[in-house]
Amino acid sequence: MKITICRKEHFNAAHRLHNPAWSDEQNAEVFGLCNNPNFHGHNYELIVKLTGSVNEDTGYVYDMKKLSTLVKEEVIDKFDHKNLNLDTEEFRQLNPTAEHIAMVIWNRLREKISQDYELAVTLYETERNFVEYNG
């Protein structure tokens, strides 16, 4: 029997959506206000989901305290109150769309979580706009 556990976290970050191969006009047309050269910010909500079997000894699928610490170290400490374009290596050459941010987060966590668990991340950029990535 498999069960999914979820951990919800929050971080704030600024970014600018921009493709340097395009003209300013094309960037403005495609990305609109998100192409502001002075950047803009979001209050991101992140949900990390792990699916696996319940350990008979602990009753856990995964220790939530361990998951909380991992998310803090790999995501919150790395991206919270940062300008993603300027302050992080991951997005110096990668357009920090919600899709890319979710993929980067998933990859950072996947490296630290056993393949015994299915991993998915859901990232809310706004209350109504969110993405989910599960590798």
N, C-alpha and C. Protein backbone atom coordinates (compact mmCIF):
# COMPACT_ATOMS: atom_id res chain seq x y z
N MET A 1 0.85 -1.19 0.00
CA MET A 1 0.00 0.00 0.00
C MET A 1 0.89 1.24 0.00
N LYS A 2 0.60 2.15 -0.89
CA LYS A 2 1.36 3.39 -1.00
C LYS A 2 0.52 4.55 -0.48
N ILE A 3 1.21 5.46 0.20
CA ILE A 3 0.57 6.67 0.73
C ILE A 3 1.43 7.86 0.33
N THR A 4 0.78 8.98 0.06
CA THR A 4 1.49 10.21 -0.26
C THR A 4 1.46 11.14 0.94
N ILE A 5 2.65 11.62 1.32
CA ILE A 5 2.74 12.64 2.36
C ILE A 5 3.13 13.95 1.69
N CYS A 6 2.74 15.07 2.29
CA CYS A 6 2.98 16.38 1.70
C CYS A 6 3.53 17.34 2.74
N ARG A 7 4.46 18.16 2.31
CA ARG A 7 5.02 19.23 3.14
C ARG A 7 4.85 20.53 2.37
N LYS A 8 4.24 21.53 3.02
CA LYS A 8 4.02 22.83 2.39
C LYS A 8 5.00 23.84 2.98
N GLU A 9 5.64 24.58 2.11
CA GLU A 9 6.59 25.61 2.51
C GLU A 9 6.29 26.89 1.74
N HIS A 10 6.95 27.95 2.13
CA HIS A 10 6.72 29.27 1.54
C HIS A 10 8.07 29.95 1.36
N PHE A 11 8.24 30.64 0.24
CA PHE A 11 9.41 31.50 0.08
C PHE A 11 9.05 32.66 -0.85
N ASN A 12 9.79 33.74 -0.70
CA ASN A 12 9.61 34.93 -1.51
C ASN A 12 10.83 35.10 -2.40
N ALA A 13 10.60 35.44 -3.65
CA ALA A 13 11.73 35.65 -4.55
C ALA A 13 11.31 36.58 -5.69
N ALA A 14 12.31 37.27 -6.22
CA ALA A 14 12.11 38.14 -7.38
C ALA A 14 12.69 37.46 -8.62
N HIS A 15 12.16 37.83 -9.77
CA HIS A 15 12.71 37.33 -11.02
C HIS A 15 12.29 38.24 -12.17
N ARG A 16 12.90 37.97 -13.31
CA ARG A 16 12.51 38.62 -14.56
C ARG A 16 12.48 37.53 -15.62
N LEU A 17 11.39 37.44 -16.34
CA LEU A 17 11.32 36.50 -17.45
C LEU A 17 11.84 37.22 -18.69
N HIS A 18 12.87 36.62 -19.27
CA HIS A 18 13.55 37.29 -20.38
C HIS A 18 14.34 36.27 -21.17
N ASN A 19 14.24 36.35 -22.49
CA ASN A 19 15.05 35.52 -23.38
C ASN A 19 16.05 36.43 -24.07
N PRO A 20 17.34 36.32 -23.73
CA PRO A 20 18.33 37.24 -24.29
C PRO A 20 18.50 37.10 -25.81
N ALA A 21 18.03 36.02 -26.39
CA ALA A 21 18.13 35.84 -27.84
C ALA A 21 17.06 36.64 -28.59
N TRP A 22 16.08 37.15 -27.86
CA TRP A 22 14.99 37.89 -28.48
C TRP A 22 15.20 39.39 -28.35
N SER A 23 14.48 40.12 -29.17
CA SER A 23 14.48 41.59 -29.08
C SER A 23 13.70 42.00 -27.83
N ASP A 24 13.90 43.26 -27.43
CA ASP A 24 13.13 43.80 -26.31
C ASP A 24 11.64 43.75 -26.60
N GLU A 25 11.28 44.01 -27.85
CA GLU A 25 9.87 44.01 -28.24
C GLU A 25 9.27 42.61 -28.11
N GLN A 26 9.99 41.60 -28.57
CA GLN A 26 9.47 40.24 -28.49
C GLN A 26 9.36 39.78 -27.04
N ASN A 27 10.37 40.12 -26.21
CA ASN A 27 10.30 39.79 -24.79
C ASN A 27 9.09 40.44 -24.14
N ALA A 28 8.87 41.71 -24.44
CA ALA A 28 7.72 42.42 -23.86
C ALA A 28 6.41 41.81 -24.33
N GLU A 29 6.35 41.41 -25.59
CA GLU A 29 5.12 40.82 -26.13
C GLU A 29 4.82 39.46 -25.47
N VAL A 30 5.83 38.63 -25.31
CA VAL A 30 5.63 37.28 -24.77
C VAL A 30 5.47 37.30 -23.25
N PHE A 31 6.32 38.04 -22.55
CA PHE A 31 6.36 37.98 -21.09
C PHE A 31 5.62 39.12 -20.40
N GLY A 32 5.25 40.15 -21.13
CA GLY A 32 4.47 41.25 -20.55
C GLY A 32 5.14 41.88 -19.34
N LEU A 33 4.34 42.10 -18.29
CA LEU A 33 4.86 42.73 -17.08
C LEU A 33 5.96 41.90 -16.41
N CYS A 34 5.97 40.61 -16.67
CA CYS A 34 6.99 39.74 -16.07
C CYS A 34 8.37 39.98 -16.68
N ASN A 35 8.45 40.80 -17.73
CA ASN A 35 9.72 41.14 -18.35
C ASN A 35 10.27 42.46 -17.82
N ASN A 36 9.68 43.01 -16.79
CA ASN A 36 10.14 44.27 -16.20
C ASN A 36 11.64 44.22 -15.94
N PRO A 37 12.43 45.13 -16.52
CA PRO A 37 13.89 45.10 -16.32
C PRO A 37 14.30 45.30 -14.86
N ASN A 38 13.40 45.83 -14.04
CA ASN A 38 13.68 46.01 -12.62
C ASN A 38 13.19 44.84 -11.77
N PHE A 39 12.75 43.76 -12.43
CA PHE A 39 12.32 42.54 -11.77
C PHE A 39 10.97 42.73 -11.08
N HIS A 40 10.42 41.65 -10.58
CA HIS A 40 9.18 41.67 -9.79
C HIS A 40 9.21 40.42 -8.91
N GLY A 41 8.38 40.40 -7.88
CA GLY A 41 8.45 39.30 -6.93
C GLY A 41 7.17 38.51 -6.78
N HIS A 42 7.33 37.34 -6.17
CA HIS A 42 6.20 36.46 -5.87
C HIS A 42 6.35 35.89 -4.47
N ASN A 43 5.22 35.58 -3.88
CA ASN A 43 5.16 34.84 -2.63
C ASN A 43 4.85 33.39 -3.01
N TYR A 44 5.88 32.62 -3.23
CA TYR A 44 5.71 31.24 -3.71
C TYR A 44 5.25 30.31 -2.60
N GLU A 45 4.35 29.41 -2.94
CA GLU A 45 3.96 28.31 -2.07
C GLU A 45 4.45 27.03 -2.73
N LEU A 46 5.11 26.21 -1.96
CA LEU A 46 5.68 24.97 -2.47
C LEU A 46 5.10 23.80 -1.71
N ILE A 47 4.65 22.80 -2.43
CA ILE A 47 4.20 21.56 -1.82
C ILE A 47 5.08 20.44 -2.35
N VAL A 48 5.73 19.75 -1.43
CA VAL A 48 6.57 18.61 -1.77
C VAL A 48 5.81 17.35 -1.39
N LYS A 49 5.66 16.44 -2.35
CA LYS A 49 4.90 15.20 -2.13
C LYS A 49 5.83 14.01 -2.29
N LEU A 50 5.80 13.12 -1.30
CA LEU A 50 6.53 11.86 -1.37
C LEU A 50 5.53 10.72 -1.27
N THR A 51 5.65 9.77 -2.16
CA THR A 51 4.77 8.61 -2.15
C THR A 51 5.62 7.37 -1.92
N GLY A 52 5.19 6.57 -0.95
CA GLY A 52 5.91 5.34 -0.65
C GLY A 52 5.12 4.47 0.29
N SER A 53 5.75 3.42 0.72
CA SER A 53 5.13 2.48 1.65
C SER A 53 5.35 2.93 3.08
N VAL A 54 4.41 2.60 3.93
CA VAL A 54 4.52 2.92 5.35
C VAL A 54 5.52 1.96 5.98
N ASN A 55 6.49 2.52 6.69
CA ASN A 55 7.46 1.72 7.43
C ASN A 55 6.76 1.12 8.64
N GLU A 56 6.80 -0.20 8.77
CA GLU A 56 6.08 -0.85 9.87
C GLU A 56 6.64 -0.49 11.24
N ASP A 57 7.92 -0.19 11.32
CA ASP A 57 8.53 0.14 12.61
C ASP A 57 8.15 1.54 13.09
N THR A 58 8.11 2.51 12.15
CA THR A 58 7.84 3.90 12.56
C THR A 58 6.40 4.33 12.32
N GLY A 59 5.73 3.69 11.36
CA GLY A 59 4.41 4.15 10.96
C GLY A 59 4.46 5.31 9.98
N TYR A 60 5.68 5.72 9.60
CA TYR A 60 5.88 6.83 8.67
C TYR A 60 6.10 6.31 7.26
N VAL A 61 5.71 7.13 6.28
CA VAL A 61 6.22 6.94 4.92
C VAL A 61 7.63 7.53 4.88
N TYR A 62 7.77 8.73 5.47
CA TYR A 62 9.03 9.46 5.52
C TYR A 62 8.95 10.39 6.72
N ASP A 63 10.01 10.56 7.43
CA ASP A 63 10.03 11.43 8.61
C ASP A 63 9.82 12.88 8.17
N MET A 64 8.70 13.48 8.58
CA MET A 64 8.36 14.84 8.16
C MET A 64 9.37 15.88 8.65
N LYS A 65 9.95 15.65 9.81
CA LYS A 65 10.98 16.58 10.31
C LYS A 65 12.19 16.55 9.38
N LYS A 66 12.56 15.35 8.95
CA LYS A 66 13.68 15.20 8.01
C LYS A 66 13.34 15.88 6.67
N LEU A 67 12.11 15.71 6.21
CA LEU A 67 11.68 16.35 4.97
C LEU A 67 11.69 17.87 5.11
N SER A 68 11.21 18.37 6.24
CA SER A 68 11.20 19.81 6.50
C SER A 68 12.62 20.38 6.46
N THR A 69 13.54 19.71 7.11
CA THR A 69 14.93 20.16 7.14
C THR A 69 15.53 20.14 5.74
N LEU A 70 15.25 19.10 4.99
CA LEU A 70 15.77 18.97 3.63
C LEU A 70 15.25 20.10 2.74
N VAL A 71 13.97 20.38 2.80
CA VAL A 71 13.38 21.45 1.98
C VAL A 71 13.97 22.80 2.39
N LYS A 72 14.15 22.99 3.69
CA LYS A 72 14.76 24.25 4.16
C LYS A 72 16.16 24.41 3.59
N GLU A 73 16.97 23.37 3.68
CA GLU A 73 18.35 23.45 3.23
C GLU A 73 18.48 23.56 1.71
N GLU A 74 17.67 22.81 0.98
CA GLU A 74 17.82 22.73 -0.47
C GLU A 74 17.02 23.76 -1.26
N VAL A 75 15.99 24.33 -0.62
CA VAL A 75 15.12 25.26 -1.34
C VAL A 75 15.04 26.61 -0.64
N ILE A 76 14.53 26.61 0.57
CA ILE A 76 14.27 27.88 1.27
C ILE A 76 15.55 28.68 1.46
N ASP A 77 16.58 28.05 2.02
CA ASP A 77 17.84 28.76 2.24
C ASP A 77 18.47 29.22 0.94
N LYS A 78 18.20 28.53 -0.14
CA LYS A 78 18.80 28.83 -1.44
C LYS A 78 18.06 29.94 -2.19
N PHE A 79 16.71 29.97 -2.09
CA PHE A 79 15.93 30.87 -2.94
C PHE A 79 15.16 31.97 -2.21
N ASP A 80 14.91 31.82 -0.91
CA ASP A 80 14.09 32.79 -0.19
C ASP A 80 14.76 34.16 -0.14
N HIS A 81 13.98 35.18 -0.47
CA HIS A 81 14.42 36.57 -0.49
C HIS A 81 15.64 36.77 -1.38
N LYS A 82 15.61 36.09 -2.53
CA LYS A 82 16.68 36.21 -3.50
C LYS A 82 16.09 36.73 -4.81
N ASN A 83 16.96 37.36 -5.59
CA ASN A 83 16.64 37.65 -6.98
C ASN A 83 17.13 36.42 -7.75
N LEU A 84 16.22 35.62 -8.26
CA LEU A 84 16.60 34.36 -8.87
C LEU A 84 17.55 34.55 -10.04
N ASN A 85 17.36 35.59 -10.84
CA ASN A 85 18.22 35.85 -11.99
C ASN A 85 19.64 36.21 -11.57
N LEU A 86 19.76 36.97 -10.50
CA LEU A 86 21.07 37.53 -10.13
C LEU A 86 21.76 36.79 -8.99
N ASP A 87 21.00 36.21 -8.08
CA ASP A 87 21.58 35.66 -6.84
C ASP A 87 21.74 34.15 -6.83
N THR A 88 21.31 33.46 -7.88
CA THR A 88 21.39 32.00 -7.88
C THR A 88 22.08 31.52 -9.14
N GLU A 89 22.89 30.50 -9.00
CA GLU A 89 23.58 29.90 -10.15
C GLU A 89 22.58 29.24 -11.10
N GLU A 90 21.57 28.59 -10.54
CA GLU A 90 20.62 27.83 -11.35
C GLU A 90 19.94 28.65 -12.43
N PHE A 91 19.72 29.95 -12.15
CA PHE A 91 18.92 30.77 -13.07
C PHE A 91 19.73 31.87 -13.75
N ARG A 92 21.03 31.78 -13.70
CA ARG A 92 21.83 32.77 -14.44
C ARG A 92 21.66 32.58 -15.94
N GLN A 93 21.48 31.34 -16.38
CA GLN A 93 21.32 31.04 -17.80
C GLN A 93 19.97 30.39 -18.11
N LEU A 94 19.15 30.19 -17.09
CA LEU A 94 17.86 29.52 -17.25
C LEU A 94 16.74 30.48 -16.87
N ASN A 95 15.81 30.71 -17.78
CA ASN A 95 14.72 31.63 -17.54
C ASN A 95 13.89 31.14 -16.33
N PRO A 96 13.77 31.92 -15.26
CA PRO A 96 13.13 31.45 -14.03
C PRO A 96 11.59 31.47 -14.08
N THR A 97 11.05 30.72 -15.03
CA THR A 97 9.60 30.54 -15.08
C THR A 97 9.20 29.61 -13.95
N ALA A 98 7.94 29.57 -13.62
CA ALA A 98 7.46 28.64 -12.59
C ALA A 98 7.81 27.21 -12.97
N GLU A 99 7.71 26.89 -14.26
CA GLU A 99 8.05 25.55 -14.73
C GLU A 99 9.51 25.21 -14.44
N HIS A 100 10.41 26.13 -14.78
CA HIS A 100 11.83 25.88 -14.52
C HIS A 100 12.15 25.84 -13.03
N ILE A 101 11.53 26.71 -12.26
CA ILE A 101 11.78 26.71 -10.82
C ILE A 101 11.36 25.37 -10.22
N ALA A 102 10.19 24.88 -10.60
CA ALA A 102 9.72 23.58 -10.09
C ALA A 102 10.68 22.46 -10.48
N MET A 103 11.18 22.48 -11.70
CA MET A 103 12.11 21.45 -12.15
C MET A 103 13.43 21.51 -11.36
N VAL A 104 13.93 22.70 -11.14
CA VAL A 104 15.17 22.87 -10.37
C VAL A 104 14.98 22.36 -8.95
N ILE A 105 13.87 22.71 -8.33
CA ILE A 105 13.59 22.25 -6.96
C ILE A 105 13.50 20.73 -6.94
N TRP A 106 12.77 20.16 -7.88
CA TRP A 106 12.62 18.70 -7.93
C TRP A 106 13.99 18.03 -8.05
N ASN A 107 14.84 18.54 -8.93
CA ASN A 107 16.16 17.95 -9.12
C ASN A 107 17.03 18.06 -7.88
N ARG A 108 16.95 19.20 -7.19
CA ARG A 108 17.73 19.37 -5.96
C ARG A 108 17.27 18.36 -4.90
N LEU A 109 15.95 18.17 -4.78
CA LEU A 109 15.43 17.22 -3.79
C LEU A 109 15.66 15.78 -4.22
N ARG A 110 15.52 15.50 -5.50
CA ARG A 110 15.68 14.12 -5.99
C ARG A 110 17.07 13.58 -5.66
N GLU A 111 18.07 14.44 -5.72
CA GLU A 111 19.44 14.03 -5.39
C GLU A 111 19.57 13.57 -3.94
N LYS A 112 18.70 14.04 -3.06
CA LYS A 112 18.82 13.79 -1.63
C LYS A 112 17.81 12.77 -1.10
N ILE A 113 16.83 12.39 -1.92
CA ILE A 113 15.76 11.49 -1.48
C ILE A 113 15.86 10.18 -2.25
N SER A 114 15.81 9.10 -1.53
CA SER A 114 15.92 7.76 -2.12
C SER A 114 14.93 7.56 -3.26
N GLN A 115 15.37 6.81 -4.25
CA GLN A 115 14.51 6.47 -5.39
C GLN A 115 13.35 5.56 -4.96
N ASP A 116 13.38 5.08 -3.71
CA ASP A 116 12.27 4.28 -3.19
C ASP A 116 10.98 5.10 -3.12
N TYR A 117 11.12 6.43 -3.15
CA TYR A 117 9.97 7.32 -3.04
C TYR A 117 9.69 8.00 -4.37
N GLU A 118 8.42 8.09 -4.73
CA GLU A 118 8.02 8.94 -5.85
C GLU A 118 8.02 10.37 -5.32
N LEU A 119 8.52 11.30 -6.11
CA LEU A 119 8.63 12.69 -5.71
C LEU A 119 7.88 13.57 -6.68
N ALA A 120 7.10 14.51 -6.16
CA ALA A 120 6.44 15.52 -6.98
C ALA A 120 6.52 16.85 -6.23
N VAL A 121 6.65 17.92 -6.98
CA VAL A 121 6.60 19.25 -6.37
C VAL A 121 5.52 20.06 -7.09
N THR A 122 4.76 20.79 -6.31
CA THR A 122 3.78 21.73 -6.83
C THR A 122 4.21 23.11 -6.38
N LEU A 123 4.33 24.02 -7.32
CA LEU A 123 4.78 25.38 -7.02
C LEU A 123 3.69 26.36 -7.43
N TYR A 124 3.19 27.09 -6.44
CA TYR A 124 2.21 28.16 -6.69
C TYR A 124 2.97 29.47 -6.84
N GLU A 125 2.85 30.07 -8.02
CA GLU A 125 3.44 31.38 -8.24
C GLU A 125 2.46 32.46 -7.77
N THR A 126 1.19 32.20 -8.02
CA THR A 126 0.11 33.03 -7.50
C THR A 126 -0.96 32.08 -6.98
N GLU A 127 -1.98 32.65 -6.42
CA GLU A 127 -3.08 31.84 -5.89
C GLU A 127 -3.72 30.96 -6.98
N ARG A 128 -3.73 31.48 -8.21
CA ARG A 128 -4.41 30.77 -9.30
C ARG A 128 -3.47 30.14 -10.32
N ASN A 129 -2.19 30.47 -10.26
CA ASN A 129 -1.23 29.94 -11.23
C ASN A 129 -0.22 29.05 -10.53
N PHE A 130 -0.20 27.77 -10.92
CA PHE A 130 0.74 26.84 -10.30
C PHE A 130 1.11 25.75 -11.28
N VAL A 131 2.23 25.11 -11.00
CA VAL A 131 2.74 24.02 -11.83
C VAL A 131 3.05 22.84 -10.93
N GLU A 132 3.03 21.65 -11.52
CA GLU A 132 3.44 20.45 -10.80
C GLU A 132 4.45 19.72 -11.66
N TYR A 133 5.52 19.24 -11.02
CA TYR A 133 6.54 18.49 -11.73
C TYR A 133 6.86 17.23 -10.94
N ASN A 134 6.92 16.10 -11.64
CA ASN A 134 7.23 14.84 -10.97
C ASN A 134 8.28 14.03 -11.74
N GLY A 135 9.14 14.74 -12.44
CA GLY A 135 10.25 14.08 -13.12
C GLY A 135 9.80 13.43 -14.38
